[in-house]
Structure formats: structure tokens, C-alpha cells
Protein backbone atom coordinates (compact mmCIF):
# COMPACT_ATOMS: atom_id res chain seq x y z
CA MET A 1 135.11 -93.59 252.28
CA SER A 2 135.72 -97.11 250.99
CA ASP A 3 138.29 -97.56 248.22
CA HIS A 4 136.19 -100.38 246.73
CA GLY A 5 136.32 -99.99 242.94
CA ARG A 6 139.42 -97.75 242.81
CA PHE A 7 142.44 -98.62 240.69
CA ILE A 8 145.34 -98.74 243.14
CA TRP A 9 148.32 -100.40 241.42
CA TYR A 10 149.75 -101.50 238.08
CA GLU A 11 152.11 -104.42 237.66
CA LEU A 12 154.38 -105.39 234.80
CA MET A 13 155.36 -109.02 234.26
CA THR A 14 158.41 -109.15 232.00
CA PRO A 15 161.10 -111.66 231.04
CA ASP A 16 163.77 -108.94 231.34
CA ILE A 17 163.48 -106.81 234.47
CA ALA A 18 166.66 -104.83 233.84
CA GLY A 19 165.64 -104.05 230.26
CA ALA A 20 162.13 -103.03 231.28
CA LYS A 21 163.41 -100.73 234.03
CA ALA A 22 165.74 -99.02 231.57
CA PHE A 23 163.06 -98.67 228.88
CA TYR A 24 160.33 -97.20 231.10
CA GLY A 25 162.83 -95.10 233.02
CA ASP A 26 163.74 -93.38 229.76
CA VAL A 27 160.25 -93.27 228.20
CA VAL A 28 158.13 -92.37 231.26
CA GLY A 29 160.77 -91.12 233.71
CA TRP A 30 160.22 -93.70 236.43
CA THR A 31 162.82 -94.62 239.01
CA ALA A 32 162.89 -98.15 240.43
CA THR A 33 163.47 -99.36 243.99
CA LYS A 34 163.89 -103.03 244.87
CA MET A 35 161.61 -104.39 247.55
CA PRO A 36 163.33 -106.30 250.37
CA GLY A 37 163.15 -110.09 250.30
CA ASP A 38 164.25 -112.99 248.14
CA MET A 39 161.82 -112.29 245.32
CA GLU A 40 163.03 -109.75 242.78
CA TYR A 41 160.28 -107.15 242.81
CA TRP A 42 160.87 -103.52 241.89
CA VAL A 43 158.59 -100.57 242.69
CA LEU A 44 158.28 -97.94 239.96
CA GLU A 45 158.04 -94.39 241.27
CA ALA A 46 157.23 -90.94 239.89
CA ASP A 47 158.47 -88.10 242.12
CA GLY A 48 158.85 -90.55 244.99
CA LEU A 49 155.30 -91.91 244.76
CA GLY A 50 154.71 -95.53 243.82
CA VAL A 51 152.93 -96.15 240.52
CA GLY A 52 153.41 -99.88 240.05
CA GLY A 53 155.76 -102.79 240.21
CA VAL A 54 157.90 -105.01 238.00
CA MET A 55 158.30 -108.74 238.48
CA LEU A 56 159.86 -111.55 236.47
CA LEU A 57 157.79 -113.48 233.94
CA GLY A 58 159.30 -116.88 234.67
CA GLU A 59 159.28 -120.16 232.81
CA GLU A 60 156.30 -121.38 234.85
CA HIS A 61 154.29 -118.37 233.66
CA LYS A 62 155.32 -118.90 230.05
CA ALA A 63 154.29 -122.56 230.34
CA GLN A 64 150.81 -121.35 231.31
CA GLY A 65 150.67 -119.19 228.18
CA ILE A 66 151.02 -115.90 230.09
CA PRO A 67 152.65 -113.25 227.87
CA PRO A 68 154.52 -110.12 229.04
CA ASN A 69 151.77 -107.83 230.32
CA TRP A 70 150.57 -104.99 232.48
CA THR A 71 147.89 -105.84 235.06
CA GLY A 72 145.80 -103.30 236.95
CA TYR A 73 144.77 -103.84 240.58
CA VAL A 74 141.36 -102.69 241.79
CA ALA A 75 140.66 -102.28 245.51
CA VAL A 76 137.87 -104.33 247.09
CA ASP A 77 136.46 -104.43 250.62
CA ASP A 78 136.68 -108.24 250.79
CA CYS A 79 138.91 -110.14 248.37
CA ASP A 80 137.33 -113.57 248.86
CA ALA A 81 133.79 -112.23 248.52
CA ALA A 82 134.74 -110.22 245.42
CA ALA A 83 136.34 -113.29 243.79
CA GLN A 84 133.17 -115.28 244.41
CA LYS A 85 131.04 -112.46 243.06
CA ALA A 86 133.16 -112.23 239.90
CA THR A 87 132.39 -115.89 239.28
CA SER A 88 128.67 -115.42 239.93
CA LEU A 89 128.64 -112.56 237.40
CA GLY A 90 130.09 -114.79 234.69
CA GLY A 91 133.79 -114.12 235.20
CA SER A 92 136.48 -116.53 236.38
CA VAL A 93 139.19 -116.71 239.04
CA MET A 94 142.61 -117.25 237.49
CA ARG A 95 144.48 -117.24 240.82
CA GLU A 96 142.68 -117.89 244.08
CA PRO A 97 142.83 -115.26 246.88
CA GLN A 98 146.23 -115.20 248.57
CA ASP A 99 147.88 -113.05 251.23
CA ILE A 100 150.95 -110.92 250.62
CA PRO A 101 152.26 -110.26 254.15
CA GLY A 102 152.13 -106.58 255.02
CA ILE A 103 150.60 -105.66 251.65
CA GLY A 104 147.14 -107.21 251.36
CA ARG A 105 145.09 -110.10 250.02
CA PHE A 106 144.75 -110.39 246.26
CA ALA A 107 143.36 -112.55 243.48
CA ILE A 108 143.67 -112.60 239.69
CA VAL A 109 140.33 -112.68 237.90
CA ALA A 110 138.95 -112.33 234.37
CA ASP A 111 135.72 -110.84 233.09
CA PRO A 112 133.28 -112.96 231.03
CA THR A 113 135.24 -112.27 227.81
CA GLY A 114 138.62 -113.15 229.34
CA ALA A 115 140.08 -109.70 230.08
CA VAL A 116 142.36 -110.18 233.11
CA PHE A 117 142.78 -107.84 236.09
CA ALA A 118 143.58 -108.13 239.80
CA ILE A 119 141.57 -107.39 242.91
CA MET A 120 143.09 -106.57 246.29
CA LYS A 121 142.08 -105.80 249.85
CA PRO A 122 145.10 -103.71 250.91
CA VAL A 123 146.52 -103.69 254.42
CA PRO A 124 145.73 -100.21 255.79
CA PRO A 125 148.93 -98.09 255.80
CA GLU A 126 150.38 -96.98 259.14
CA ASN A 127 150.53 -93.41 257.86
CA SER A 128 148.40 -91.72 255.22
CA ARG A 129 150.15 -91.84 251.87
CA PRO A 130 150.24 -88.70 249.73
CA LYS A 131 148.38 -88.85 246.45
CA PRO A 132 149.78 -87.44 243.21
CA ALA A 133 148.57 -84.05 242.07
CA GLU A 134 145.93 -84.00 239.34
CA GLY A 135 147.65 -84.60 236.01
CA ALA A 136 151.01 -85.46 237.59
CA LEU A 137 153.44 -86.90 235.06
CA GLY A 138 154.38 -90.54 235.41
CA HIS A 139 151.04 -91.56 236.88
CA THR A 140 148.08 -93.29 235.25
CA GLY A 141 145.67 -90.99 233.47
CA TRP A 142 143.22 -93.43 231.84
CA ARG A 143 142.17 -97.09 231.73
CA GLU A 144 140.68 -98.75 228.67
CA LEU A 145 138.97 -102.09 228.22
CA TYR A 146 138.78 -103.99 224.93
CA SER A 147 136.21 -106.65 225.65
CA GLY A 148 132.67 -107.56 224.64
CA PRO A 149 129.88 -105.12 223.69
CA PRO A 150 130.04 -102.40 226.38
CA ASP A 151 126.31 -102.47 227.13
CA THR A 152 126.68 -106.03 228.45
CA THR A 153 130.32 -105.96 229.61
CA PHE A 154 129.63 -102.93 231.77
CA LEU A 155 127.10 -104.88 233.82
CA PHE A 156 129.85 -107.20 235.06
CA TYR A 157 132.00 -104.35 236.35
CA ALA A 158 129.06 -102.39 237.73
CA GLY A 159 128.00 -105.47 239.69
CA LEU A 160 131.50 -106.18 240.95
CA PHE A 161 132.80 -102.68 241.71
CA GLY A 162 129.79 -100.37 241.65
CA TRP A 163 131.12 -98.39 238.71
CA THR A 164 128.60 -96.10 237.05
CA ARG A 165 127.90 -95.58 233.38
CA ASP A 166 128.91 -92.17 232.04
CA GLU A 167 128.93 -90.67 228.53
CA ALA A 168 128.84 -92.94 225.49
CA HIS A 169 130.41 -91.99 222.15
CA ASP A 170 129.36 -93.54 218.86
CA MET A 171 132.53 -94.36 216.88
CA GLY A 172 130.79 -95.63 213.77
CA PRO A 173 132.05 -99.03 212.56
CA MET A 174 134.11 -99.42 215.76
CA GLY A 175 130.96 -99.29 217.88
CA VAL A 176 130.24 -97.42 221.10
CA TYR A 177 132.93 -96.14 223.44
CA GLN A 178 131.42 -96.23 226.95
CA LEU A 179 132.98 -94.05 229.64
CA PHE A 180 132.72 -95.20 233.25
CA SER A 181 133.21 -93.55 236.63
CA ASN A 182 134.01 -94.49 240.20
CA GLN A 183 134.35 -92.31 243.30
CA ASP A 184 137.19 -90.42 241.57
CA GLY A 185 135.01 -89.38 238.61
CA GLN A 186 135.60 -90.48 235.01
CA VAL A 187 138.49 -92.93 235.06
CA GLY A 188 138.23 -94.98 231.88
CA GLY A 189 136.34 -96.29 228.89
CA MET A 190 135.36 -99.61 227.38
CA MET A 191 134.55 -100.77 223.87
CA LYS A 192 134.13 -103.93 221.83
CA ARG A 193 137.51 -105.49 221.08
CA PRO A 194 138.77 -104.38 217.64
CA ASP A 195 139.50 -107.17 215.16
CA ASN A 196 143.24 -106.39 215.19
CA VAL A 197 143.47 -106.97 218.97
CA PRO A 198 143.98 -110.73 219.48
CA ALA A 199 142.33 -111.06 222.91
CA ALA A 200 140.20 -109.12 225.37
CA CYS A 201 142.43 -106.95 227.55
CA TRP A 202 142.85 -103.88 229.72
CA LEU A 203 145.18 -101.06 228.65
CA TYR A 204 146.68 -98.41 230.94
CA TYR A 205 147.70 -94.90 229.87
CA PHE A 206 150.67 -93.32 231.64
CA LYS A 207 150.99 -89.54 231.57
CA ILE A 208 154.07 -88.01 229.97
CA GLY A 209 154.90 -84.54 228.64
CA ASP A 210 155.44 -84.12 224.89
CA ILE A 211 153.80 -87.05 223.08
CA ASP A 212 156.02 -86.80 219.98
CA ALA A 213 159.19 -86.75 222.05
CA ALA A 214 157.90 -89.77 223.97
CA ALA A 215 157.18 -91.63 220.72
CA GLY A 216 160.77 -90.98 219.71
CA ARG A 217 162.04 -92.39 223.00
CA VAL A 218 159.88 -95.50 222.56
CA LYS A 219 161.48 -96.21 219.16
CA ALA A 220 164.99 -95.33 220.29
CA GLY A 221 164.62 -97.71 223.25
CA GLY A 222 163.69 -100.66 221.04
CA GLY A 223 159.93 -100.46 221.52
CA GLN A 224 157.20 -100.11 218.91
CA VAL A 225 154.53 -97.45 218.38
CA LEU A 226 151.48 -99.50 217.37
CA ASN A 227 148.93 -96.71 217.08
CA GLY A 228 149.14 -92.93 217.22
CA PRO A 229 149.90 -90.38 218.38
CA MET A 230 146.28 -89.34 217.96
CA GLU A 231 144.18 -86.62 219.56
CA THR A 232 141.37 -87.47 221.97
CA PRO A 233 138.15 -85.46 222.49
CA GLY A 234 139.55 -84.04 225.74
CA GLY A 235 142.56 -82.53 223.97
CA ASP A 236 145.16 -85.06 225.09
CA TRP A 237 147.26 -87.00 222.60
CA VAL A 238 147.71 -90.73 223.07
CA LEU A 239 149.69 -93.60 221.64
CA GLN A 240 149.63 -97.35 222.07
CA GLY A 241 152.93 -99.16 222.05
CA MET A 242 154.78 -102.36 222.80
CA ASP A 243 157.89 -102.46 224.95
CA PRO A 244 161.02 -104.36 223.83
CA GLN A 245 159.99 -107.36 225.93
CA GLY A 246 156.53 -107.63 224.32
CA ALA A 247 154.18 -105.95 226.84
CA MET A 248 151.61 -103.52 225.47
CA PHE A 249 151.41 -100.09 227.13
CA CYS A 250 149.91 -96.66 226.41
CA LEU A 251 151.00 -93.06 226.87
CA MET A 252 149.06 -89.80 227.02
CA GLY A 253 150.46 -86.29 226.77
CA LYS A 254 150.39 -83.03 224.86
CA LYS A 255 151.73 -81.72 221.57
CA GLY A 256 154.80 -79.52 221.91
């Protein structure tokens, strides 16, 4: 089965790699392994399985107005074709397709409202890689898009990735929260960007154990809890936070 439309990686750009590793190691429980080569790139792991990476937000990035951030990577069958299709659907290409030797071909794109994400055609692994167990701590449990009205925004992602529309929840003044699915089932939701969120963006929820204990670790580590913890319809508890370096992140867990 093709992985086209699957989220496969999450990447943190930060001005302080050492500080970020320490913060997320304490809050989420990740360990970090440096990739070989001249570039300082660290792989974040949960129980030995890669979740994402950390790279330096350099002066050239800051000059372009790029803030500390998490970016999700979505698999595509053909990176160049997907980049062109994103443009034809009203999006834009922020970084043209480029090869990462031994890893894959990627591009940075944005949807029609400016929410940024990455696409990648991975190099097939020599050996099948184990997948985390359902609900495994330290891995991503949900993806959330703050963008334009979901009835129109969804069409962009459906056209690009083949995602399907799932349940929709009316949240009153906040509008409709539209769930979406790929070949893995329900994997995220999208809604109109709230007024207190300065720009369209994707958020990623990392699974932890006790949500209150995690909130305490966020504060003790110099981060901020921006929203929550609050209960979701599925029974999980979530919070939205900002790490000490200024990147927004989310956690999901249980009470007690």
C-alpha cells in the first residue's frame, strides 16, 4: 500500500538545540541521537523508535522571518508532482524539491492560507522498520490545523493527499471542527484559525502519561502552558504549550 498522505516525521527548528533536547527529554521522555555528518541534526526517539528531528534555526532562517517551529512531513509518491499540484490547488512552494542523500526528496509547501508543512518521497528502507504500538507514549497522537474555513480548506488537502472527510463537530462561535482520515483512520482535525492565533499553522500532539504532571514539567523546564489541560470528546486530556525557545507544541494524555 502506498504511504501517500501519511504523516511520517516531525521536525523542530530551534535556536538552542541543547536546550530543546533537555526540555523535551524531560517533558516527553525523548532521547536524542546525533546523525552523522557535518550538519548538527539530532533524531528524537521514544523506546528506540524515531519520532522526529531537531535542527538549528540559524541566522539565515531568522532573516527570512522563520520562527522556532515544529513542521510535519507527509509522504507523497512523487515529490515534484506533489509540489506542482499544491501550487495548482492554490498553495505555494516555500522550498523547491531537494534530495537528502539516503533519506528522500522533500519540499516545504504552504496551503492557500499559509499553513506550512513538508512533503517527502522517502528512500525505501533496506529493512522494514517497526511501528510504534497503538497509543505508545512519546509518539504523535493527533494533528490539528488552524487555517481557513474547513469546508474549503479541506478541499486542498483532499486534492493533494486524498484525505477523506470524517465527522464534523459544531463548536458554536468557534465554528466547525472537521475531522479527517487517511489510510490509518482518523488522524487529525481542522478548524478556522482562532483570533488569538496570529497565523495559520499546524499543531502536533505528542502522547504522554499524566497530563497534569506533564504540565508541571513544562513550567519547571521554562516553557509555558498556553491552553489547558482540557478534556476532549474521546476522553483524552490535552494542552497547548510553548517551549523555552518559542516553538509551539501540544501534549495529550490522561488524568491521574
